[in-house]
N, C-alpha and C. Protein backbone atom coordinates (compact mmCIF):
# COMPACT_ATOMS: atom_id res chain seq x y z
N MET A 1 57.34 -135.77 28.64
CA MET A 1 58.36 -135.81 27.62
C MET A 1 59.46 -134.81 28.01
N ALA A 2 60.67 -135.16 27.82
CA ALA A 2 61.79 -134.30 28.03
C ALA A 2 62.71 -134.26 26.81
N ILE A 3 62.95 -133.06 26.31
CA ILE A 3 63.89 -132.88 25.20
C ILE A 3 65.06 -132.01 25.61
N LEU A 4 66.23 -132.52 25.48
CA LEU A 4 67.41 -131.83 25.88
C LEU A 4 68.22 -131.44 24.59
N SER A 5 68.69 -130.22 24.57
CA SER A 5 69.63 -129.82 23.48
C SER A 5 70.98 -129.61 24.09
N VAL A 6 71.98 -130.33 23.55
CA VAL A 6 73.25 -130.35 24.14
C VAL A 6 74.35 -130.05 23.13
N TYR A 7 75.45 -129.40 23.55
CA TYR A 7 76.61 -129.26 22.76
C TYR A 7 77.86 -129.57 23.62
N ALA A 8 78.50 -130.65 23.35
CA ALA A 8 79.64 -131.11 24.19
C ALA A 8 80.86 -130.38 23.82
N PRO A 9 81.85 -130.37 24.78
CA PRO A 9 83.14 -129.72 24.52
C PRO A 9 83.83 -130.47 23.30
N ILE A 10 84.58 -129.75 22.58
CA ILE A 10 85.28 -130.39 21.37
C ILE A 10 86.37 -131.32 21.92
N ARG A 11 86.90 -132.09 20.99
CA ARG A 11 87.87 -133.09 21.21
C ARG A 11 89.15 -132.56 21.95
N ASP A 12 89.56 -131.33 21.54
CA ASP A 12 90.79 -130.73 22.17
C ASP A 12 90.59 -130.05 23.45
N SER A 13 89.34 -130.01 23.95
CA SER A 13 89.08 -129.38 25.25
C SER A 13 89.77 -130.14 26.36
N PRO A 14 90.12 -129.44 27.48
CA PRO A 14 90.68 -130.10 28.65
C PRO A 14 89.70 -131.21 29.15
N ASP A 15 90.29 -132.25 29.77
CA ASP A 15 89.46 -133.31 30.34
C ASP A 15 88.55 -132.84 31.41
N ASP A 16 88.96 -131.81 32.15
CA ASP A 16 88.09 -131.25 33.26
C ASP A 16 86.81 -130.68 32.61
N ALA A 17 86.90 -129.96 31.46
CA ALA A 17 85.76 -129.47 30.85
C ALA A 17 84.87 -130.51 30.35
N LYS A 18 85.39 -131.57 29.77
CA LYS A 18 84.54 -132.72 29.27
C LYS A 18 83.85 -133.46 30.46
N ASP A 19 84.61 -133.70 31.53
CA ASP A 19 84.04 -134.32 32.65
C ASP A 19 82.91 -133.45 33.26
N ALA A 20 83.17 -132.15 33.37
CA ALA A 20 82.13 -131.26 33.89
C ALA A 20 80.86 -131.36 33.10
N PHE A 21 81.05 -131.32 31.69
CA PHE A 21 79.83 -131.40 30.83
C PHE A 21 79.02 -132.69 31.05
N TYR A 22 79.71 -133.81 31.08
CA TYR A 22 78.98 -135.09 31.22
C TYR A 22 78.42 -135.22 32.64
N PHE A 23 79.07 -134.66 33.66
CA PHE A 23 78.57 -134.73 34.99
C PHE A 23 77.19 -133.90 35.05
N GLU A 24 77.28 -132.66 34.43
CA GLU A 24 76.07 -131.85 34.37
C GLU A 24 74.95 -132.51 33.55
N LEU A 25 75.32 -133.07 32.48
CA LEU A 25 74.30 -133.82 31.66
C LEU A 25 73.63 -134.89 32.50
N GLN A 26 74.44 -135.63 33.17
CA GLN A 26 73.92 -136.74 33.99
C GLN A 26 72.98 -136.14 35.07
N ARG A 27 73.38 -135.02 35.68
CA ARG A 27 72.54 -134.36 36.73
C ARG A 27 71.21 -134.05 36.17
N ILE A 28 71.19 -133.47 34.96
CA ILE A 28 69.95 -133.04 34.27
C ILE A 28 69.09 -134.31 33.94
N LEU A 29 69.73 -135.31 33.42
CA LEU A 29 69.07 -136.52 33.00
C LEU A 29 68.39 -137.14 34.28
N ASP A 30 69.10 -137.15 35.38
CA ASP A 30 68.51 -137.65 36.58
C ASP A 30 67.29 -136.87 37.03
N SER A 31 67.29 -135.54 36.80
CA SER A 31 66.21 -134.66 37.22
C SER A 31 64.91 -134.86 36.38
N VAL A 32 65.11 -135.34 35.10
CA VAL A 32 63.91 -135.52 34.22
C VAL A 32 63.55 -136.99 34.12
N GLN A 33 64.13 -137.86 34.82
CA GLN A 33 63.71 -139.25 34.79
C GLN A 33 62.25 -139.35 35.23
N GLY A 34 61.50 -140.16 34.62
CA GLY A 34 60.08 -140.32 34.95
C GLY A 34 59.17 -139.36 34.25
N HIS A 35 59.69 -138.54 33.29
CA HIS A 35 58.84 -137.64 32.59
C HIS A 35 58.45 -138.17 31.28
N GLY A 36 58.48 -139.47 31.09
CA GLY A 36 58.12 -140.17 29.84
C GLY A 36 59.24 -140.25 28.90
N ILE A 37 58.94 -140.04 27.62
CA ILE A 37 60.06 -140.18 26.56
C ILE A 37 61.10 -139.08 26.83
N MET A 38 62.33 -139.45 26.63
CA MET A 38 63.46 -138.59 26.82
C MET A 38 64.25 -138.58 25.48
N SER A 39 64.56 -137.41 25.05
CA SER A 39 65.40 -137.25 23.85
C SER A 39 66.50 -136.24 24.08
N VAL A 40 67.72 -136.70 23.84
CA VAL A 40 68.87 -135.82 23.99
C VAL A 40 69.41 -135.60 22.65
N ALA A 41 69.31 -134.36 22.07
CA ALA A 41 69.79 -134.05 20.76
C ALA A 41 70.82 -132.98 20.77
N GLY A 42 71.71 -133.09 19.82
CA GLY A 42 72.79 -132.04 19.73
C GLY A 42 74.00 -132.61 19.20
N ASP A 43 75.08 -131.91 19.42
CA ASP A 43 76.36 -132.32 18.95
C ASP A 43 77.26 -132.89 20.06
N SER A 44 77.49 -134.17 20.04
CA SER A 44 78.32 -134.79 21.12
C SER A 44 79.80 -134.65 20.92
N ASN A 45 80.16 -134.09 19.71
CA ASN A 45 81.53 -133.98 19.38
C ASN A 45 82.34 -135.25 19.59
N THR A 46 81.72 -136.36 19.23
CA THR A 46 82.35 -137.64 19.34
C THR A 46 81.59 -138.65 18.46
N THR A 47 82.11 -139.78 18.21
CA THR A 47 81.49 -140.86 17.53
C THR A 47 81.73 -142.16 18.33
N ALA A 48 80.95 -143.13 18.01
CA ALA A 48 81.20 -144.48 18.66
C ALA A 48 80.99 -145.51 17.59
N SER A 49 81.84 -146.52 17.62
CA SER A 49 81.69 -147.61 16.70
C SER A 49 80.82 -148.68 17.29
N LYS A 50 80.25 -149.48 16.43
CA LYS A 50 79.36 -150.54 16.97
C LYS A 50 80.03 -151.48 17.96
N PRO A 51 81.31 -151.92 17.71
CA PRO A 51 82.01 -152.77 18.60
C PRO A 51 82.16 -152.06 20.03
N ASP A 52 82.49 -150.70 20.02
CA ASP A 52 82.57 -150.01 21.26
C ASP A 52 81.27 -149.99 22.00
N ALA A 53 80.25 -149.63 21.21
CA ALA A 53 78.89 -149.62 21.76
C ALA A 53 78.47 -150.94 22.34
N ASN A 54 78.63 -152.03 21.56
CA ASN A 54 78.20 -153.36 22.08
C ASN A 54 79.02 -153.73 23.31
N ALA A 55 80.23 -153.32 23.45
CA ALA A 55 81.04 -153.65 24.63
C ALA A 55 80.47 -152.95 25.84
N HIS A 56 79.87 -151.75 25.62
CA HIS A 56 79.26 -151.06 26.73
C HIS A 56 77.79 -151.39 26.93
N GLY A 57 77.25 -152.25 26.07
CA GLY A 57 75.83 -152.61 26.18
C GLY A 57 74.89 -151.54 25.68
N VAL A 58 75.30 -150.78 24.73
CA VAL A 58 74.55 -149.66 24.14
C VAL A 58 74.13 -149.93 22.72
N THR A 59 72.85 -149.62 22.37
CA THR A 59 72.37 -149.82 21.00
C THR A 59 72.83 -148.64 20.18
N ILE A 60 73.37 -148.96 19.01
CA ILE A 60 73.80 -147.90 18.13
C ILE A 60 73.21 -148.18 16.72
N ARG A 61 72.71 -147.14 16.03
CA ARG A 61 72.00 -147.37 14.74
C ARG A 61 72.96 -147.77 13.64
N ARG A 62 74.12 -147.36 13.48
CA ARG A 62 75.01 -147.75 12.37
C ARG A 62 76.42 -147.65 12.78
N THR A 63 77.33 -148.30 12.07
CA THR A 63 78.73 -148.24 12.43
C THR A 63 79.33 -146.95 11.98
N ILE A 64 80.08 -146.32 12.86
CA ILE A 64 80.78 -145.09 12.58
C ILE A 64 82.28 -145.38 12.80
N LYS A 65 83.06 -145.26 11.80
CA LYS A 65 84.46 -145.69 11.81
C LYS A 65 85.39 -144.82 12.61
N ASP A 66 85.05 -143.50 12.73
CA ASP A 66 85.99 -142.55 13.35
C ASP A 66 85.77 -142.74 14.92
N ARG A 67 86.91 -142.65 15.62
CA ARG A 67 86.88 -142.80 17.05
C ARG A 67 87.70 -141.66 17.74
N CYS A 68 87.28 -141.18 18.84
CA CYS A 68 88.01 -140.21 19.56
C CYS A 68 87.89 -140.44 21.09
N SER A 69 88.55 -139.58 21.78
CA SER A 69 88.59 -139.83 23.25
C SER A 69 87.30 -139.57 24.00
N ASN A 70 86.38 -138.93 23.39
CA ASN A 70 85.15 -138.59 24.09
C ASN A 70 84.13 -139.75 24.02
N ASN A 71 84.35 -140.72 23.12
CA ASN A 71 83.33 -141.76 22.99
C ASN A 71 83.05 -142.58 24.23
N LYS A 72 84.09 -142.80 25.05
CA LYS A 72 83.84 -143.53 26.33
C LYS A 72 82.85 -142.82 27.27
N ARG A 73 83.00 -141.52 27.36
CA ARG A 73 82.09 -140.72 28.16
C ARG A 73 80.66 -140.79 27.64
N LEU A 74 80.54 -140.69 26.34
CA LEU A 74 79.24 -140.75 25.73
C LEU A 74 78.60 -142.11 25.97
N LEU A 75 79.31 -143.16 25.70
CA LEU A 75 78.78 -144.52 25.91
C LEU A 75 78.43 -144.82 27.40
N GLN A 76 79.20 -144.29 28.29
CA GLN A 76 78.82 -144.48 29.70
C GLN A 76 77.51 -143.77 30.06
N VAL A 77 77.33 -142.59 29.61
CA VAL A 77 76.04 -141.87 29.83
C VAL A 77 74.90 -142.61 29.12
N ALA A 78 75.11 -143.05 27.93
CA ALA A 78 74.10 -143.74 27.20
C ALA A 78 73.64 -145.05 27.91
N LYS A 79 74.65 -145.79 28.32
CA LYS A 79 74.33 -147.09 28.97
C LYS A 79 73.59 -146.84 30.30
N TYR A 80 74.10 -145.92 31.12
CA TYR A 80 73.48 -145.64 32.45
C TYR A 80 72.04 -145.22 32.26
N ASN A 81 71.77 -144.47 31.22
CA ASN A 81 70.43 -143.98 31.10
C ASN A 81 69.52 -144.69 30.00
N ASN A 82 70.11 -145.88 29.56
CA ASN A 82 69.45 -146.74 28.63
C ASN A 82 68.95 -145.96 27.36
N LEU A 83 69.94 -145.15 26.81
CA LEU A 83 69.72 -144.36 25.64
C LEU A 83 70.22 -145.18 24.39
N CYS A 84 69.59 -144.92 23.33
CA CYS A 84 69.95 -145.53 22.01
C CYS A 84 70.65 -144.42 21.21
N LEU A 85 71.83 -144.61 20.76
CA LEU A 85 72.64 -143.59 19.94
C LEU A 85 72.19 -143.70 18.49
N VAL A 86 71.88 -142.60 17.99
CA VAL A 86 71.55 -142.49 16.49
C VAL A 86 72.38 -141.30 15.95
N ASP A 87 72.60 -141.41 14.63
CA ASP A 87 73.32 -140.38 13.91
C ASP A 87 72.57 -139.97 12.74
N THR A 88 72.55 -138.72 12.43
CA THR A 88 71.87 -138.24 11.23
C THR A 88 72.91 -137.59 10.23
N GLN A 89 72.64 -137.75 9.00
CA GLN A 89 73.51 -137.14 8.02
C GLN A 89 72.68 -136.70 6.90
N PHE A 90 72.70 -135.47 6.45
CA PHE A 90 71.93 -134.90 5.47
C PHE A 90 72.71 -134.61 4.17
N GLU A 91 72.19 -134.92 3.05
CA GLU A 91 72.80 -134.65 1.78
C GLU A 91 72.71 -133.15 1.51
N HIS A 92 73.85 -132.45 1.17
CA HIS A 92 73.82 -131.07 0.83
C HIS A 92 74.01 -130.85 -0.69
N LYS A 93 73.33 -129.82 -1.17
CA LYS A 93 73.58 -129.49 -2.56
C LYS A 93 75.04 -129.04 -2.77
N LYS A 94 75.56 -129.29 -3.93
CA LYS A 94 76.99 -128.97 -4.19
C LYS A 94 77.38 -127.52 -3.89
N HIS A 95 76.42 -126.57 -4.20
CA HIS A 95 76.69 -125.13 -4.02
C HIS A 95 76.69 -124.77 -2.56
N HIS A 96 76.18 -125.65 -1.65
CA HIS A 96 76.23 -125.39 -0.21
C HIS A 96 77.41 -125.91 0.47
N LEU A 97 78.20 -126.75 -0.29
CA LEU A 97 79.41 -127.34 0.26
C LEU A 97 80.61 -126.42 0.28
N VAL A 98 80.62 -125.33 -0.46
CA VAL A 98 81.72 -124.48 -0.56
C VAL A 98 81.59 -123.33 0.48
N THR A 99 82.67 -123.14 1.22
CA THR A 99 82.60 -122.12 2.29
C THR A 99 83.50 -120.91 1.88
């Protein structure tokens, strides 16, 4: 079993930083292939819609309406590694929503 914890560059990061992140992620995924179940968890700083995912041949758990420039990179990695994209969202108590 392989569990990876990742934090992708934010939307406003230079493309070089984003490309470097996904290149390194792919290198690590290649190195853990064959270790059974693989889970990549973290903040991808992007979202993907079902139509985008379907066009790339990627399974996605639910439709996410927001789109940004990083989703193509995420979908490419997901497709190449046969990953299913899931999203979690937790309900917060009202007093935790104030910063």
